[in-house]
C-alpha cells in the first residue's frame, strides 16, 4: 500500500508467504480434492505444485473453481479478447485439441504442435514449408491479431 513493492510477486515473497497466504487464488488442497481428474490430465498423480498451472491451462475453461468460495464464471471458455483470434486462443483450446485427437481428426504430432502453439504461441515445423503457405499463414495471423479480417489473397495496408 505504501508503494514499496514494485511487483505482486515481491510483495508476496516479502509478506504474503510469511502470513500463510497463497501466491495466487488457487487453493491447492481444495483443488486437488475437488478435481481428481487432474491425474488423467497429467498422466500421473498430481502434487500441490500442479494445482495452479492446471487451473490456468485447463481448469478455468472447464469451470473449475480455484478455491471453495470462488464464484463460478458464466462461460469459462469464452474468448478473453473481444477482438477475436484463432480457436487455439480460446481458454479451452487444450481440451479442443485433445478431443480432436481422440476423434481421429488429428495425428499425435499435429496435436503436439497445436498444444505448443496454444501454450507458447510458436510452432516449429518438422519439414520445409511452402513459402506461399507461410505467407498465407502470416496474413491470417496478422488479421486475427489486428481484427482486420480481409478476404483471402488480400494484403493488409
C-alpha atoms as a PDB file:
ATOM      1  CA  UNK A   1       0.000   0.000   0.000  1.00  0.00           C
ATOM      2  CA  UNK A   2       2.954   2.309   0.554  1.00  0.00           C
ATOM      3  CA  UNK A   3       4.168   1.601  -2.985  1.00  0.00           C
ATOM      4  CA  UNK A   4       7.369  -0.041  -1.793  1.00  0.00           C
ATOM      5  CA  UNK A   5       6.859  -3.335  -3.671  1.00  0.00           C
ATOM      6  CA  UNK A   6       7.151  -2.987  -7.439  1.00  0.00           C
ATOM      7  CA  UNK A   7       5.511  -6.318  -8.244  1.00  0.00           C
ATOM      8  CA  UNK A   8       2.888  -8.535  -6.680  1.00  0.00           C
ATOM      9  CA  UNK A   9       5.412 -11.371  -6.524  1.00  0.00           C
ATOM     10  CA  UNK A  10       7.882  -9.301  -4.493  1.00  0.00           C
ATOM     11  CA  UNK A  11       5.104  -8.306  -2.131  1.00  0.00           C
ATOM     12  CA  UNK A  12       4.134 -11.957  -1.727  1.00  0.00           C
ATOM     13  CA  UNK A  13       7.766 -13.000  -1.174  1.00  0.00           C
ATOM     14  CA  UNK A  14       8.313 -10.254   1.412  1.00  0.00           C
ATOM     15  CA  UNK A  15       4.999 -10.536   3.280  1.00  0.00           C
ATOM     16  CA  UNK A  16       2.408 -12.970   1.944  1.00  0.00           C
ATOM     17  CA  UNK A  17       4.380 -16.186   2.322  1.00  0.00           C
ATOM     18  CA  UNK A  18       5.175 -15.365   5.961  1.00  0.00           C
ATOM     19  CA  UNK A  19       1.469 -14.591   6.541  1.00  0.00           C
ATOM     20  CA  UNK A  20       0.487 -18.015   5.149  1.00  0.00           C
ATOM     21  CA  UNK A  21      -1.165 -16.588   2.035  1.00  0.00           C
ATOM     22  CA  UNK A  22      -1.280 -18.270  -1.379  1.00  0.00           C
ATOM     23  CA  UNK A  23       0.818 -16.761  -4.242  1.00  0.00           C
ATOM     24  CA  UNK A  24      -2.308 -16.894  -6.427  1.00  0.00           C
ATOM     25  CA  UNK A  25      -6.008 -17.525  -5.952  1.00  0.00           C
ATOM     26  CA  UNK A  26      -5.742 -21.331  -6.271  1.00  0.00           C
ATOM     27  CA  UNK A  27      -6.085 -23.228  -3.000  1.00  0.00           C
ATOM     28  CA  UNK A  28      -4.103 -26.354  -3.896  1.00  0.00           C
ATOM     29  CA  UNK A  29      -5.617 -28.604  -1.217  1.00  0.00           C
ATOM     30  CA  UNK A  30      -9.173 -27.703  -2.263  1.00  0.00           C
ATOM     31  CA  UNK A  31      -8.316 -28.016  -5.948  1.00  0.00           C
ATOM     32  CA  UNK A  32      -6.680 -31.453  -5.629  1.00  0.00           C
ATOM     33  CA  UNK A  33      -9.609 -32.782  -3.582  1.00  0.00           C
ATOM     34  CA  UNK A  34     -12.273 -31.281  -5.854  1.00  0.00           C
ATOM     35  CA  UNK A  35     -10.798 -32.305  -9.213  1.00  0.00           C
ATOM     36  CA  UNK A  36      -9.347 -35.843  -9.128  1.00  0.00           C
ATOM     37  CA  UNK A  37      -9.420 -35.927 -12.955  1.00  0.00           C
ATOM     38  CA  UNK A  38      -6.155 -33.947 -12.819  1.00  0.00           C
ATOM     39  CA  UNK A  39      -4.410 -37.311 -12.623  1.00  0.00           C
ATOM     40  CA  UNK A  40      -5.801 -38.275 -16.049  1.00  0.00           C
ATOM     41  CA  UNK A  41      -4.783 -34.897 -17.484  1.00  0.00           C
ATOM     42  CA  UNK A  42      -1.251 -35.096 -16.110  1.00  0.00           C
ATOM     43  CA  UNK A  43      -0.733 -38.813 -16.645  1.00  0.00           C
ATOM     44  CA  UNK A  44       0.497 -39.124 -13.041  1.00  0.00           C
ATOM     45  CA  UNK A  45      -0.587 -38.368  -9.506  1.00  0.00           C
ATOM     46  CA  UNK A  46      -0.890 -34.576  -9.124  1.00  0.00           C
ATOM     47  CA  UNK A  47       1.017 -32.628  -6.495  1.00  0.00           C
ATOM     48  CA  UNK A  48       0.231 -29.380  -4.705  1.00  0.00           C
ATOM     49  CA  UNK A  49       2.529 -27.594  -7.186  1.00  0.00           C
ATOM     50  CA  UNK A  50       0.352 -28.817 -10.093  1.00  0.00           C
ATOM     51  CA  UNK A  51      -2.867 -27.137  -8.922  1.00  0.00           C
ATOM     52  CA  UNK A  52      -2.307 -23.557 -10.116  1.00  0.00           C
ATOM     53  CA  UNK A  53      -0.791 -24.450 -13.529  1.00  0.00           C
ATOM     54  CA  UNK A  54      -3.622 -26.937 -14.142  1.00  0.00           C
ATOM     55  CA  UNK A  55      -6.210 -24.313 -13.246  1.00  0.00           C
ATOM     56  CA  UNK A  56      -4.677 -21.807 -15.666  1.00  0.00           C
ATOM     57  CA  UNK A  57      -4.190 -24.299 -18.524  1.00  0.00           C
ATOM     58  CA  UNK A  58      -7.409 -26.349 -18.229  1.00  0.00           C
ATOM     59  CA  UNK A  59      -9.472 -25.817 -15.103  1.00  0.00           C
ATOM     60  CA  UNK A  60     -10.621 -22.231 -15.620  1.00  0.00           C
ATOM     61  CA  UNK A  61     -12.079 -23.042 -19.056  1.00  0.00           C
ATOM     62  CA  UNK A  62     -13.795 -26.132 -17.663  1.00  0.00           C
ATOM     63  CA  UNK A  63     -15.494 -24.061 -14.981  1.00  0.00           C
ATOM     64  CA  UNK A  64     -13.405 -25.437 -12.115  1.00  0.00           C
ATOM     65  CA  UNK A  65     -13.192 -23.232  -9.043  1.00  0.00           C
ATOM     66  CA  UNK A  66      -9.764 -22.150  -7.751  1.00  0.00           C
ATOM     67  CA  UNK A  67     -10.952 -22.193  -4.120  1.00  0.00           C
ATOM     68  CA  UNK A  68     -14.094 -23.233  -2.281  1.00  0.00           C
ATOM     69  CA  UNK A  69     -15.679 -19.767  -2.082  1.00  0.00           C
ATOM     70  CA  UNK A  70     -14.935 -18.652  -5.647  1.00  0.00           C
ATOM     71  CA  UNK A  71     -17.738 -17.538  -7.944  1.00  0.00           C
ATOM     72  CA  UNK A  72     -18.274 -19.710 -10.991  1.00  0.00           C
ATOM     73  CA  UNK A  73     -17.875 -17.876 -14.321  1.00  0.00           C
ATOM     74  CA  UNK A  74     -20.846 -17.933 -16.682  1.00  0.00           C
ATOM     75  CA  UNK A  75     -18.583 -19.116 -19.518  1.00  0.00           C
ATOM     76  CA  UNK A  76     -15.035 -20.006 -18.517  1.00  0.00           C
ATOM     77  CA  UNK A  77     -14.168 -20.892 -22.119  1.00  0.00           C
ATOM     78  CA  UNK A  78     -15.200 -17.507 -23.536  1.00  0.00           C
ATOM     79  CA  UNK A  79     -12.674 -15.572 -25.594  1.00  0.00           C
ATOM     80  CA  UNK A  80     -10.550 -13.349 -23.378  1.00  0.00           C
ATOM     81  CA  UNK A  81     -10.447 -10.667 -26.058  1.00  0.00           C
ATOM     82  CA  UNK A  82     -13.342  -9.048 -27.941  1.00  0.00           C
ATOM     83  CA  UNK A  83     -11.020  -8.802 -30.957  1.00  0.00           C
ATOM     84  CA  UNK A  84     -11.257 -12.484 -31.794  1.00  0.00           C
ATOM     85  CA  UNK A  85      -8.354 -14.707 -32.643  1.00  0.00           C
ATOM     86  CA  UNK A  86      -7.717 -18.298 -33.554  1.00  0.00           C
ATOM     87  CA  UNK A  87      -9.629 -21.157 -31.967  1.00  0.00           C
ATOM     88  CA  UNK A  88      -6.330 -22.030 -30.284  1.00  0.00           C
ATOM     89  CA  UNK A  89      -6.641 -18.738 -28.389  1.00  0.00           C
ATOM     90  CA  UNK A  90      -9.770 -19.955 -26.629  1.00  0.00           C
ATOM     91  CA  UNK A  91      -9.427 -20.849 -22.967  1.00  0.00           C
ATOM     92  CA  UNK A  92     -10.469 -24.450 -23.703  1.00  0.00           C
ATOM     93  CA  UNK A  93      -8.038 -24.915 -26.606  1.00  0.00           C
ATOM     94  CA  UNK A  94      -6.158 -27.781 -24.942  1.00  0.00           C
ATOM     95  CA  UNK A  95      -9.414 -29.678 -24.417  1.00  0.00           C
ATOM     96  CA  UNK A  96     -10.424 -28.993 -28.030  1.00  0.00           C
ATOM     97  CA  UNK A  97      -7.092 -30.347 -29.266  1.00  0.00           C
ATOM     98  CA  UNK A  98      -7.426 -33.458 -27.110  1.00  0.00           C
ATOM     99  CA  UNK A  99     -10.978 -34.025 -28.340  1.00  0.00           C
ATOM    100  CA  UNK A 100      -9.919 -33.752 -31.972  1.00  0.00           C
ATOM    101  CA  UNK A 101      -7.073 -36.181 -31.311  1.00  0.00           C
ATOM    102  CA  UNK A 102      -9.456 -38.682 -29.687  1.00  0.00           C
ATOM    103  CA  UNK A 103     -11.879 -38.367 -32.622  1.00  0.00           C
ATOM    104  CA  UNK A 104      -9.064 -39.152 -35.051  1.00  0.00           C
ATOM    105  CA  UNK A 105      -9.145 -35.704 -36.659  1.00  0.00           C
ATOM    106  CA  UNK A 106      -5.541 -35.032 -35.646  1.00  0.00           C
ATOM    107  CA  UNK A 107      -2.420 -37.150 -35.555  1.00  0.00           C
ATOM    108  CA  UNK A 108      -0.282 -37.171 -32.397  1.00  0.00           C
ATOM    109  CA  UNK A 109       2.402 -34.933 -33.885  1.00  0.00           C
ATOM    110  CA  UNK A 110      -0.224 -32.439 -35.097  1.00  0.00           C
ATOM    111  CA  UNK A 111      -1.783 -32.340 -31.635  1.00  0.00           C
ATOM    112  CA  UNK A 112       1.653 -31.792 -30.092  1.00  0.00           C
ATOM    113  CA  UNK A 113       2.342 -28.878 -32.454  1.00  0.00           C
ATOM    114  CA  UNK A 114      -1.060 -27.346 -31.717  1.00  0.00           C
ATOM    115  CA  UNK A 115      -0.522 -27.682 -27.961  1.00  0.00           C
ATOM    116  CA  UNK A 116       2.810 -25.883 -28.309  1.00  0.00           C
ATOM    117  CA  UNK A 117       1.156 -23.160 -30.369  1.00  0.00           C
ATOM    118  CA  UNK A 118      -1.706 -22.755 -27.874  1.00  0.00           C
ATOM    119  CA  UNK A 119       0.609 -22.627 -24.849  1.00  0.00           C
ATOM    120  CA  UNK A 120       3.705 -20.909 -26.252  1.00  0.00           C
ATOM    121  CA  UNK A 121       2.482 -19.081 -29.355  1.00  0.00           C
ATOM    122  CA  UNK A 122       5.119 -20.704 -31.560  1.00  0.00           C
ATOM    123  CA  UNK A 123       5.300 -23.624 -33.956  1.00  0.00           C
ATOM    124  CA  UNK A 124       8.391 -25.447 -35.109  1.00  0.00           C
ATOM    125  CA  UNK A 125       7.888 -27.208 -38.424  1.00  0.00           C
ATOM    126  CA  UNK A 126       9.411 -30.656 -38.787  1.00  0.00           C
ATOM    127  CA  UNK A 127       9.850 -30.271 -42.543  1.00  0.00           C
ATOM    128  CA  UNK A 128      10.307 -27.431 -45.031  1.00  0.00           C
ATOM    129  CA  UNK A 129       7.111 -25.486 -45.693  1.00  0.00           C
ATOM    130  CA  UNK A 130       5.983 -23.868 -48.911  1.00  0.00           C
ATOM    131  CA  UNK A 131       6.711 -20.109 -48.842  1.00  0.00           C
ATOM    132  CA  UNK A 132       3.208 -19.312 -50.166  1.00  0.00           C
ATOM    133  CA  UNK A 133       1.679 -21.293 -47.293  1.00  0.00           C
ATOM    134  CA  UNK A 134       3.870 -19.450 -44.787  1.00  0.00           C
ATOM    135  CA  UNK A 135       2.857 -16.090 -46.299  1.00  0.00           C
ATOM    136  CA  UNK A 136      -0.841 -17.052 -46.141  1.00  0.00           C
ATOM    137  CA  UNK A 137      -0.478 -18.201 -42.517  1.00  0.00           C
ATOM    138  CA  UNK A 138       1.268 -14.930 -41.687  1.00  0.00           C
ATOM    139  CA  UNK A 139      -1.584 -12.978 -43.270  1.00  0.00           C
ATOM    140  CA  UNK A 140      -4.201 -14.857 -41.289  1.00  0.00           C
ATOM    141  CA  UNK A 141      -2.200 -14.389 -38.077  1.00  0.00           C
ATOM    142  CA  UNK A 142      -1.927 -10.668 -38.771  1.00  0.00           C
ATOM    143  CA  UNK A 143      -5.672 -10.448 -39.427  1.00  0.00           C
ATOM    144  CA  UNK A 144      -6.532 -12.394 -36.277  1.00  0.00           C
ATOM    145  CA  UNK A 145      -4.374 -10.271 -34.019  1.00  0.00           C
ATOM    146  CA  UNK A 146      -5.313  -6.889 -35.509  1.00  0.00           C
ATOM    147  CA  UNK A 147      -9.009  -7.524 -36.102  1.00  0.00           C
ATOM    148  CA  UNK A 148      -8.576  -6.854 -39.863  1.00  0.00           C
ATOM    149  CA  UNK A 149     -10.278  -9.888 -41.342  1.00  0.00           C
ATOM    150  CA  UNK A 150      -9.575  -9.363 -45.029  1.00  0.00           C
ATOM    151  CA  UNK A 151     -10.522 -11.706 -47.840  1.00  0.00           C
ATOM    152  CA  UNK A 152      -8.183 -14.443 -48.987  1.00  0.00           C
ATOM    153  CA  UNK A 153      -5.320 -13.102 -51.039  1.00  0.00           C
ATOM    154  CA  UNK A 154      -5.786  -9.540 -49.753  1.00  0.00           C
ATOM    155  CA  UNK A 155      -2.867  -7.810 -48.156  1.00  0.00           C
ATOM    156  CA  UNK A 156      -3.158  -5.576 -45.089  1.00  0.00           C
ATOM    157  CA  UNK A 157      -2.149  -1.952 -45.620  1.00  0.00           C
END
